[in-house]
Amino acid sequence: MPANVLGMDTQMGVDCANFFGSQADALTQISANLKTKLNGFDWFGPDADAARTTQFTDVETQLKNAAIKLNDMKAKLLAQAKEQSDASAK
């Protein structure tokens, strides 16, 4: 698409949206994998409790929030692609 024309290459927009969604899914899986690994070995005491609760919860929350933002961006990109397609069809 030429730089002086407004609009979107809708297929590329959909591809980008789907990539954002797959990366959100990857972050969710990473979070689960990290939690499994952190809880998968013997470690006892207050340091273990802190790492497995408060400290990891912070990481888990950040990954969850990032995944939510990526999915929000996916939805916005898909909506923009649909709007562009609808406008082009007129």
PDB file of N, CA and C in Angstrom:
ATOM      1  N   MET A   1       0.855  -1.168   0.000  1.00  0.00           N
ATOM      2  CA  MET A   1       0.000   0.000   0.000  1.00  0.00           C
ATOM      3  C   MET A   1       0.901   1.231   0.000  1.00  0.00           C
ATOM      4  N   PRO A   2       0.674   2.179  -0.883  1.00  0.00           N
ATOM      5  CA  PRO A   2       1.500   3.382  -0.933  1.00  0.00           C
ATOM      6  C   PRO A   2       1.414   4.176   0.369  1.00  0.00           C
ATOM      7  N   ALA A   3       2.497   4.865   0.702  1.00  0.00           N
ATOM      8  CA  ALA A   3       2.569   5.593   1.964  1.00  0.00           C
ATOM      9  C   ALA A   3       1.584   6.754   2.038  1.00  0.00           C
ATOM     10  N   ASN A   4       1.156   7.298   0.899  1.00  0.00           N
ATOM     11  CA  ASN A   4       0.272   8.456   0.926  1.00  0.00           C
ATOM     12  C   ASN A   4      -1.216   8.085   0.916  1.00  0.00           C
ATOM     13  N   VAL A   5      -1.535   6.816   1.041  1.00  0.00           N
ATOM     14  CA  VAL A   5      -2.918   6.351   1.053  1.00  0.00           C
ATOM     15  C   VAL A   5      -3.236   5.854   2.462  1.00  0.00           C
ATOM     16  N   LEU A   6      -4.383   6.275   2.975  1.00  0.00           N
ATOM     17  CA  LEU A   6      -4.797   5.812   4.302  1.00  0.00           C
ATOM     18  C   LEU A   6      -5.472   4.460   4.178  1.00  0.00           C
ATOM     19  N   GLY A   7      -5.279   3.629   5.159  1.00  0.00           N
ATOM     20  CA  GLY A   7      -5.931   2.332   5.158  1.00  0.00           C
ATOM     21  C   GLY A   7      -5.008   1.242   5.651  1.00  0.00           C
ATOM     22  N   MET A   8      -5.443   0.019   5.477  1.00  0.00           N
ATOM     23  CA  MET A   8      -4.727  -1.140   6.005  1.00  0.00           C
ATOM     24  C   MET A   8      -4.719  -2.240   4.964  1.00  0.00           C
ATOM     25  N   ASP A   9      -3.615  -2.917   4.867  1.00  0.00           N
ATOM     26  CA  ASP A   9      -3.571  -4.196   4.155  1.00  0.00           C
ATOM     27  C   ASP A   9      -4.246  -5.165   5.120  1.00  0.00           C
ATOM     28  N   THR A  10      -5.500  -5.480   4.853  1.00  0.00           N
ATOM     29  CA  THR A  10      -6.293  -6.223   5.836  1.00  0.00           C
ATOM     30  C   THR A  10      -5.738  -7.610   6.133  1.00  0.00           C
ATOM     31  N   GLN A  11      -5.200  -8.292   5.143  1.00  0.00           N
ATOM     32  CA  GLN A  11      -4.641  -9.621   5.403  1.00  0.00           C
ATOM     33  C   GLN A  11      -3.448  -9.524   6.345  1.00  0.00           C
ATOM     34  N   MET A  12      -2.609  -8.514   6.129  1.00  0.00           N
ATOM     35  CA  MET A  12      -1.457  -8.327   7.019  1.00  0.00           C
ATOM     36  C   MET A  12      -1.924  -7.919   8.421  1.00  0.00           C
ATOM     37  N   GLY A  13      -2.998  -7.132   8.488  1.00  0.00           N
ATOM     38  CA  GLY A  13      -3.556  -6.761   9.789  1.00  0.00           C
ATOM     39  C   GLY A  13      -4.088  -7.970  10.542  1.00  0.00           C
ATOM     40  N   VAL A  14      -4.777  -8.846   9.827  1.00  0.00           N
ATOM     41  CA  VAL A  14      -5.297 -10.082  10.447  1.00  0.00           C
ATOM     42  C   VAL A  14      -4.137 -10.978  10.869  1.00  0.00           C
ATOM     43  N   ASP A  15      -3.130 -11.093  10.016  1.00  0.00           N
ATOM     44  CA  ASP A  15      -1.955 -11.898  10.369  1.00  0.00           C
ATOM     45  C   ASP A  15      -1.280 -11.354  11.626  1.00  0.00           C
ATOM     46  N   CYS A  16      -1.143 -10.032  11.684  1.00  0.00           N
ATOM     47  CA  CYS A  16      -0.535  -9.398  12.855  1.00  0.00           C
ATOM     48  C   CYS A  16      -1.377  -9.660  14.100  1.00  0.00           C
ATOM     49  N   ALA A  17      -2.688  -9.521  13.968  1.00  0.00           N
ATOM     50  CA  ALA A  17      -3.586  -9.770  15.098  1.00  0.00           C
ATOM     51  C   ALA A  17      -3.437 -11.205  15.599  1.00  0.00           C
ATOM     52  N   ASN A  18      -3.403 -12.145  14.680  1.00  0.00           N
ATOM     53  CA  ASN A  18      -3.258 -13.546  15.074  1.00  0.00           C
ATOM     54  C   ASN A  18      -1.919 -13.808  15.743  1.00  0.00           C
ATOM     55  N   PHE A  19      -0.876 -13.116  15.283  1.00  0.00           N
ATOM     56  CA  PHE A  19       0.436 -13.245  15.926  1.00  0.00           C
ATOM     57  C   PHE A  19       0.369 -12.718  17.357  1.00  0.00           C
ATOM     58  N   PHE A  20      -0.275 -11.566  17.545  1.00  0.00           N
ATOM     59  CA  PHE A  20      -0.428 -11.030  18.902  1.00  0.00           C
ATOM     60  C   PHE A  20      -1.150 -12.046  19.785  1.00  0.00           C
ATOM     61  N   GLY A  21      -2.193 -12.665  19.248  1.00  0.00           N
ATOM     62  CA  GLY A  21      -2.935 -13.667  20.012  1.00  0.00           C
ATOM     63  C   GLY A  21      -2.089 -14.875  20.365  1.00  0.00           C
ATOM     64  N   SER A  22      -1.279 -15.329  19.412  1.00  0.00           N
ATOM     65  CA  SER A  22      -0.430 -16.493  19.701  1.00  0.00           C
ATOM     66  C   SER A  22       0.634 -16.158  20.742  1.00  0.00           C
ATOM     67  N   GLN A  23       1.108 -14.915  20.730  1.00  0.00           N
ATOM     68  CA  GLN A  23       2.095 -14.512  21.725  1.00  0.00           C
ATOM     69  C   GLN A  23       1.456 -14.372  23.103  1.00  0.00           C
ATOM     70  N   ALA A  24       0.201 -13.956  23.145  1.00  0.00           N
ATOM     71  CA  ALA A  24      -0.530 -13.916  24.415  1.00  0.00           C
ATOM     72  C   ALA A  24      -0.671 -15.329  24.972  1.00  0.00           C
ATOM     73  N   ASP A  25      -1.009 -16.274  24.100  1.00  0.00           N
ATOM     74  CA  ASP A  25      -1.112 -17.676  24.524  1.00  0.00           C
ATOM     75  C   ASP A  25       0.235 -18.187  25.026  1.00  0.00           C
ATOM     76  N   ALA A  26       1.315 -17.781  24.342  1.00  0.00           N
ATOM     77  CA  ALA A  26       2.654 -18.207  24.758  1.00  0.00           C
ATOM     78  C   ALA A  26       2.982 -17.679  26.149  1.00  0.00           C
ATOM     79  N   LEU A  27       2.620 -16.419  26.424  1.00  0.00           N
ATOM     80  CA  LEU A  27       2.876 -15.859  27.760  1.00  0.00           C
ATOM     81  C   LEU A  27       2.111 -16.620  28.830  1.00  0.00           C
ATOM     82  N   THR A  28       0.892 -16.998  28.525  1.00  0.00           N
ATOM     83  CA  THR A  28       0.093 -17.776  29.477  1.00  0.00           C
ATOM     84  C   THR A  28       0.753 -19.122  29.740  1.00  0.00           C
ATOM     85  N   GLN A  29       1.267 -19.747  28.687  1.00  0.00           N
ATOM     86  CA  GLN A  29       1.948 -21.034  28.845  1.00  0.00           C
ATOM     87  C   GLN A  29       3.262 -20.869  29.605  1.00  0.00           C
ATOM     88  N   ILE A  30       3.995 -19.809  29.321  1.00  0.00           N
ATOM     89  CA  ILE A  30       5.243 -19.541  30.040  1.00  0.00           C
ATOM     90  C   ILE A  30       4.966 -19.405  31.531  1.00  0.00           C
ATOM     91  N   SER A  31       3.922 -18.664  31.869  1.00  0.00           N
ATOM     92  CA  SER A  31       3.569 -18.484  33.276  1.00  0.00           C
ATOM     93  C   SER A  31       3.294 -19.822  33.945  1.00  0.00           C
ATOM     94  N   ALA A  32       2.524 -20.669  33.274  1.00  0.00           N
ATOM     95  CA  ALA A  32       2.211 -21.997  33.829  1.00  0.00           C
ATOM     96  C   ALA A  32       3.478 -22.833  33.968  1.00  0.00           C
ATOM     97  N   ASN A  33       4.352 -22.777  32.961  1.00  0.00           N
ATOM     98  CA  ASN A  33       5.601 -23.545  33.015  1.00  0.00           C
ATOM     99  C   ASN A  33       6.498 -23.078  34.156  1.00  0.00           C
ATOM    100  N   LEU A  34       6.584 -21.767  34.343  1.00  0.00           N
ATOM    101  CA  LEU A  34       7.405 -21.227  35.423  1.00  0.00           C
ATOM    102  C   LEU A  34       6.872 -21.671  36.782  1.00  0.00           C
ATOM    103  N   LYS A  35       5.557 -21.618  36.927  1.00  0.00           N
ATOM    104  CA  LYS A  35       4.946 -22.020  38.196  1.00  0.00           C
ATOM    105  C   LYS A  35       5.204 -23.497  38.476  1.00  0.00           C
ATOM    106  N   THR A  36       5.053 -24.322  37.451  1.00  0.00           N
ATOM    107  CA  THR A  36       5.312 -25.755  37.607  1.00  0.00           C
ATOM    108  C   THR A  36       6.756 -25.996  38.020  1.00  0.00           C
ATOM    109  N   LYS A  37       7.676 -25.311  37.362  1.00  0.00           N
ATOM    110  CA  LYS A  37       9.102 -25.488  37.664  1.00  0.00           C
ATOM    111  C   LYS A  37       9.415 -25.020  39.081  1.00  0.00           C
ATOM    112  N   LEU A  38       8.889 -23.853  39.464  1.00  0.00           N
ATOM    113  CA  LEU A  38       9.154 -23.299  40.793  1.00  0.00           C
ATOM    114  C   LEU A  38       8.607 -24.201  41.895  1.00  0.00           C
ATOM    115  N   ASN A  39       7.480 -24.847  41.640  1.00  0.00           N
ATOM    116  CA  ASN A  39       6.875 -25.725  42.646  1.00  0.00           C
ATOM    117  C   ASN A  39       7.314 -27.179  42.508  1.00  0.00           C
ATOM    118  N   GLY A  40       8.189 -27.453  41.548  1.00  0.00           N
ATOM    119  CA  GLY A  40       8.537 -28.832  41.235  1.00  0.00           C
ATOM    120  C   GLY A  40       9.765 -29.397  41.930  1.00  0.00           C
ATOM    121  N   PHE A  41      10.247 -28.726  42.951  1.00  0.00           N
ATOM    122  CA  PHE A  41      11.406 -29.269  43.660  1.00  0.00           C
ATOM    123  C   PHE A  41      11.283 -28.962  45.149  1.00  0.00           C
ATOM    124  N   ASP A  42      12.025 -29.729  45.936  1.00  0.00           N
ATOM    125  CA  ASP A  42      12.002 -29.546  47.387  1.00  0.00           C
ATOM    126  C   ASP A  42      12.718 -28.257  47.756  1.00  0.00           C
ATOM    127  N   TRP A  43      12.000 -27.413  48.439  1.00  0.00           N
ATOM    128  CA  TRP A  43      12.555 -26.166  48.963  1.00  0.00           C
ATOM    129  C   TRP A  43      11.613 -25.727  50.064  1.00  0.00           C
ATOM    130  N   PHE A  44      12.118 -25.619  51.260  1.00  0.00           N
ATOM    131  CA  PHE A  44      11.270 -25.349  52.419  1.00  0.00           C
ATOM    132  C   PHE A  44      11.788 -24.137  53.171  1.00  0.00           C
ATOM    133  N   GLY A  45      10.891 -23.458  53.833  1.00  0.00           N
ATOM    134  CA  GLY A  45      11.259 -22.325  54.663  1.00  0.00           C
ATOM    135  C   GLY A  45      10.673 -21.026  54.152  1.00  0.00           C
ATOM    136  N   PRO A  46      10.971 -19.949  54.890  1.00  0.00           N
ATOM    137  CA  PRO A  46      10.373 -18.658  54.554  1.00  0.00           C
ATOM    138  C   PRO A  46      10.802 -18.122  53.181  1.00  0.00           C
ATOM    139  N   ASP A  47      12.032 -18.397  52.776  1.00  0.00           N
ATOM    140  CA  ASP A  47      12.464 -17.945  51.448  1.00  0.00           C
ATOM    141  C   ASP A  47      11.669 -18.656  50.356  1.00  0.00           C
ATOM    142  N   ALA A  48      11.454 -19.933  50.548  1.00  0.00           N
ATOM    143  CA  ALA A  48      10.666 -20.705  49.574  1.00  0.00           C
ATOM    144  C   ALA A  48       9.230 -20.196  49.536  1.00  0.00           C
ATOM    145  N   ASP A  49       8.675 -19.961  50.709  1.00  0.00           N
ATOM    146  CA  ASP A  49       7.298 -19.467  50.770  1.00  0.00           C
ATOM    147  C   ASP A  49       7.175 -18.118  50.058  1.00  0.00           C
ATOM    148  N   ALA A  50       8.129 -17.235  50.304  1.00  0.00           N
ATOM    149  CA  ALA A  50       8.093 -15.904  49.671  1.00  0.00           C
ATOM    150  C   ALA A  50       8.236 -16.011  48.158  1.00  0.00           C
ATOM    151  N   ALA A  51       9.159 -16.841  47.714  1.00  0.00           N
ATOM    152  CA  ALA A  51       9.379 -16.990  46.270  1.00  0.00           C
ATOM    153  C   ALA A  51       8.161 -17.582  45.592  1.00  0.00           C
ATOM    154  N   ARG A  52       7.536 -18.527  46.226  1.00  0.00           N
ATOM    155  CA  ARG A  52       6.411 -19.236  45.604  1.00  0.00           C
ATOM    156  C   ARG A  52       5.091 -18.485  45.736  1.00  0.00           C
ATOM    157  N   THR A  53       5.039 -17.509  46.587  1.00  0.00           N
ATOM    158  CA  THR A  53       3.782 -16.771  46.746  1.00  0.00           C
ATOM    159  C   THR A  53       3.968 -15.341  46.247  1.00  0.00           C
ATOM    160  N   THR A  54       4.383 -14.469  47.119  1.00  0.00           N
ATOM    161  CA  THR A  54       4.445 -13.043  46.800  1.00  0.00           C
ATOM    162  C   THR A  54       5.304 -12.746  45.582  1.00  0.00           C
ATOM    163  N   GLN A  55       6.529 -13.244  45.562  1.00  0.00           N
ATOM    164  CA  GLN A  55       7.440 -12.901  44.464  1.00  0.00           C
ATOM    165  C   GLN A  55       6.952 -13.461  43.133  1.00  0.00           C
ATOM    166  N   PHE A  56       6.554 -14.723  43.099  1.00  0.00           N
ATOM    167  CA  PHE A  56       6.102 -15.297  41.842  1.00  0.00           C
ATOM    168  C   PHE A  56       4.755 -14.718  41.429  1.00  0.00           C
ATOM    169  N   THR A  57       3.915 -14.398  42.400  1.00  0.00           N
ATOM    170  CA  THR A  57       2.625 -13.804  42.075  1.00  0.00           C
ATOM    171  C   THR A  57       2.812 -12.506  41.304  1.00  0.00           C
ATOM    172  N   ASP A  58       3.832 -11.726  41.657  1.00  0.00           N
ATOM    173  CA  ASP A  58       4.129 -10.496  40.917  1.00  0.00           C
ATOM    174  C   ASP A  58       4.460 -10.805  39.462  1.00  0.00           C
ATOM    175  N   VAL A  59       5.309 -11.802  39.252  1.00  0.00           N
ATOM    176  CA  VAL A  59       5.680 -12.198  37.885  1.00  0.00           C
ATOM    177  C   VAL A  59       4.457 -12.711  37.140  1.00  0.00           C
ATOM    178  N   GLU A  60       3.700 -13.566  37.798  1.00  0.00           N
ATOM    179  CA  GLU A  60       2.508 -14.156  37.196  1.00  0.00           C
ATOM    180  C   GLU A  60       1.503 -13.072  36.789  1.00  0.00           C
ATOM    181  N   THR A  61       1.319 -12.091  37.648  1.00  0.00           N
ATOM    182  CA  THR A  61       0.398 -10.989  37.357  1.00  0.00           C
ATOM    183  C   THR A  61       0.865 -10.178  36.155  1.00  0.00           C
ATOM    184  N   GLN A  62       2.164  -9.897  36.086  1.00  0.00           N
ATOM    185  CA  GLN A  62       2.695  -9.127  34.965  1.00  0.00           C
ATOM    186  C   GLN A  62       2.532  -9.890  33.647  1.00  0.00           C
ATOM    187  N   LEU A  63       2.795 -11.186  33.666  1.00  0.00           N
ATOM    188  CA  LEU A  63       2.615 -11.986  32.449  1.00  0.00           C
ATOM    189  C   LEU A  63       1.147 -12.038  32.040  1.00  0.00           C
ATOM    190  N   LYS A  64       0.263 -12.190  33.021  1.00  0.00           N
ATOM    191  CA  LYS A  64      -1.172 -12.218  32.736  1.00  0.00           C
ATOM    192  C   LYS A  64      -1.622 -10.893  32.142  1.00  0.00           C
ATOM    193  N   ASN A  65      -1.165  -9.786  32.728  1.00  0.00           N
ATOM    194  CA  ASN A  65      -1.543  -8.471  32.215  1.00  0.00           C
ATOM    195  C   ASN A  65      -1.017  -8.241  30.802  1.00  0.00           C
ATOM    196  N   ALA A  66       0.200  -8.693  30.549  1.00  0.00           N
ATOM    197  CA  ALA A  66       0.762  -8.562  29.197  1.00  0.00           C
ATOM    198  C   ALA A  66      -0.060  -9.374  28.203  1.00  0.00           C
ATOM    199  N   ALA A  67      -0.462 -10.581  28.587  1.00  0.00           N
ATOM    200  CA  ALA A  67      -1.286 -11.420  27.708  1.00  0.00           C
ATOM    201  C   ALA A  67      -2.636 -10.756  27.440  1.00  0.00           C
ATOM    202  N   ILE A  68      -3.226 -10.150  28.458  1.00  0.00           N
ATOM    203  CA  ILE A  68      -4.502  -9.447  28.283  1.00  0.00           C
ATOM    204  C   ILE A  68      -4.336  -8.294  27.304  1.00  0.00           C
ATOM    205  N   LYS A  69      -3.260  -7.522  27.453  1.00  0.00           N
ATOM    206  CA  LYS A  69      -3.022  -6.384  26.551  1.00  0.00           C
ATOM    207  C   LYS A  69      -2.794  -6.854  25.115  1.00  0.00           C
ATOM    208  N   LEU A  70      -2.086  -7.956  24.951  1.00  0.00           N
ATOM    209  CA  LEU A  70      -1.886  -8.496  23.603  1.00  0.00           C
ATOM    210  C   LEU A  70      -3.203  -8.942  22.989  1.00  0.00           C
ATOM    211  N   ASN A  71      -4.047  -9.583  23.779  1.00  0.00           N
ATOM    212  CA  ASN A  71      -5.354  -9.997  23.270  1.00  0.00           C
ATOM    213  C   ASN A  71      -6.245  -8.800  22.963  1.00  0.00           C
ATOM    214  N   ASP A  72      -6.129  -7.744  23.773  1.00  0.00           N
ATOM    215  CA  ASP A  72      -6.869  -6.509  23.475  1.00  0.00           C
ATOM    216  C   ASP A  72      -6.405  -5.928  22.141  1.00  0.00           C
ATOM    217  N   MET A  73      -5.098  -5.922  21.931  1.00  0.00           N
ATOM    218  CA  MET A  73      -4.559  -5.402  20.676  1.00  0.00           C
ATOM    219  C   MET A  73      -5.009  -6.275  19.507  1.00  0.00           C
ATOM    220  N   LYS A  74      -5.050  -7.572  19.716  1.00  0.00           N
ATOM    221  CA  LYS A  74      -5.545  -8.486  18.678  1.00  0.00           C
ATOM    222  C   LYS A  74      -6.969  -8.100  18.286  1.00  0.00           C
ATOM    223  N   ALA A  75      -7.818  -7.902  19.290  1.00  0.00           N
ATOM    224  CA  ALA A  75      -9.215  -7.555  19.020  1.00  0.00           C
ATOM    225  C   ALA A  75      -9.319  -6.233  18.263  1.00  0.00           C
ATOM    226  N   LYS A  76      -8.498  -5.258  18.636  1.00  0.00           N
ATOM    227  CA  LYS A  76      -8.525  -3.959  17.957  1.00  0.00           C
ATOM    228  C   LYS A  76      -8.058  -4.086  16.510  1.00  0.00           C
ATOM    229  N   LEU A  77      -7.014  -4.856  16.289  1.00  0.00           N
ATOM    230  CA  LEU A  77      -6.527  -5.055  14.926  1.00  0.00           C
ATOM    231  C   LEU A  77      -7.566  -5.763  14.060  1.00  0.00           C
ATOM    232  N   LEU A  78      -8.213  -6.779  14.620  1.00  0.00           N
ATOM    233  CA  LEU A  78      -9.250  -7.486  13.863  1.00  0.00           C
ATOM    234  C   LEU A  78     -10.426  -6.568  13.547  1.00  0.00           C
ATOM    235  N   ALA A  79     -10.791  -5.729  14.510  1.00  0.00           N
ATOM    236  CA  ALA A  79     -11.885  -4.784  14.275  1.00  0.00           C
ATOM    237  C   ALA A  79     -11.506  -3.780  13.195  1.00  0.00           C
ATOM    238  N   GLN A  80     -10.273  -3.304  13.222  1.00  0.00           N
ATOM    239  CA  GLN A  80      -9.817  -2.350  12.207  1.00  0.00           C
ATOM    240  C   GLN A  80      -9.783  -3.005  10.827  1.00  0.00           C
ATOM    241  N   ALA A  81      -9.347  -4.249  10.769  1.00  0.00           N
ATOM    242  CA  ALA A  81      -9.306  -4.967   9.490  1.00  0.00           C
ATOM    243  C   ALA A  81     -10.720  -5.150   8.942  1.00  0.00           C
ATOM    244  N   LYS A  82     -11.664  -5.484   9.823  1.00  0.00           N
ATOM    245  CA  LYS A  82     -13.049  -5.645   9.374  1.00  0.00           C
ATOM    246  C   LYS A  82     -13.611  -4.313   8.893  1.00  0.00           C
ATOM    247  N   GLU A  83     -13.332  -3.264   9.659  1.00  0.00           N
ATOM    248  CA  GLU A  83     -13.810  -1.936   9.259  1.00  0.00           C
ATOM    249  C   GLU A  83     -13.235  -1.548   7.894  1.00  0.00           C
ATOM    250  N   GLN A  84     -11.959  -1.829   7.694  1.00  0.00           N
ATOM    251  CA  GLN A  84     -11.320  -1.521   6.404  1.00  0.00           C
ATOM    252  C   GLN A  84     -11.949  -2.327   5.268  1.00  0.00           C
ATOM    253  N   SER A  85     -12.163  -3.612   5.515  1.00  0.00           N
ATOM    254  CA  SER A  85     -12.792  -4.458   4.497  1.00  0.00           C
ATOM    255  C   SER A  85     -14.200  -3.987   4.170  1.00  0.00           C
ATOM    256  N   ASP A  86     -14.955  -3.644   5.204  1.00  0.00           N
ATOM    257  CA  ASP A  86     -16.313  -3.165   4.989  1.00  0.00           C
ATOM    258  C   ASP A  86     -16.320  -1.858   4.188  1.00  0.00           C
ATOM    259  N   ALA A  87     -15.391  -0.966   4.524  1.00  0.00           N
ATOM    260  CA  ALA A  87     -15.311   0.319   3.821  1.00  0.00           C
ATOM    261  C   ALA A  87     -14.888   0.114   2.369  1.00  0.00           C
ATOM    262  N   SER A  88     -13.989  -0.792   2.127  1.00  0.00           N
ATOM    263  CA  SER A  88     -13.506  -1.054   0.783  1.00  0.00           C
ATOM    264  C   SER A  88     -14.576  -1.711  -0.093  1.00  0.00           C
ATOM    265  N   ALA A  89     -15.489  -2.440   0.556  1.00  0.00           N
ATOM    266  CA  ALA A  89     -16.544  -3.136  -0.179  1.00  0.00           C
ATOM    267  C   ALA A  89     -17.633  -2.188  -0.663  1.00  0.00           C
ATOM    268  N   LYS A  90     -17.669  -0.984  -0.120  1.00  0.00           N
ATOM    269  CA  LYS A  90     -18.728  -0.016  -0.493  1.00  0.00           C
ATOM    270  C   LYS A  90     -18.406   0.692  -1.771  1.00  0.00           C
TER     271      LYS A  90
END
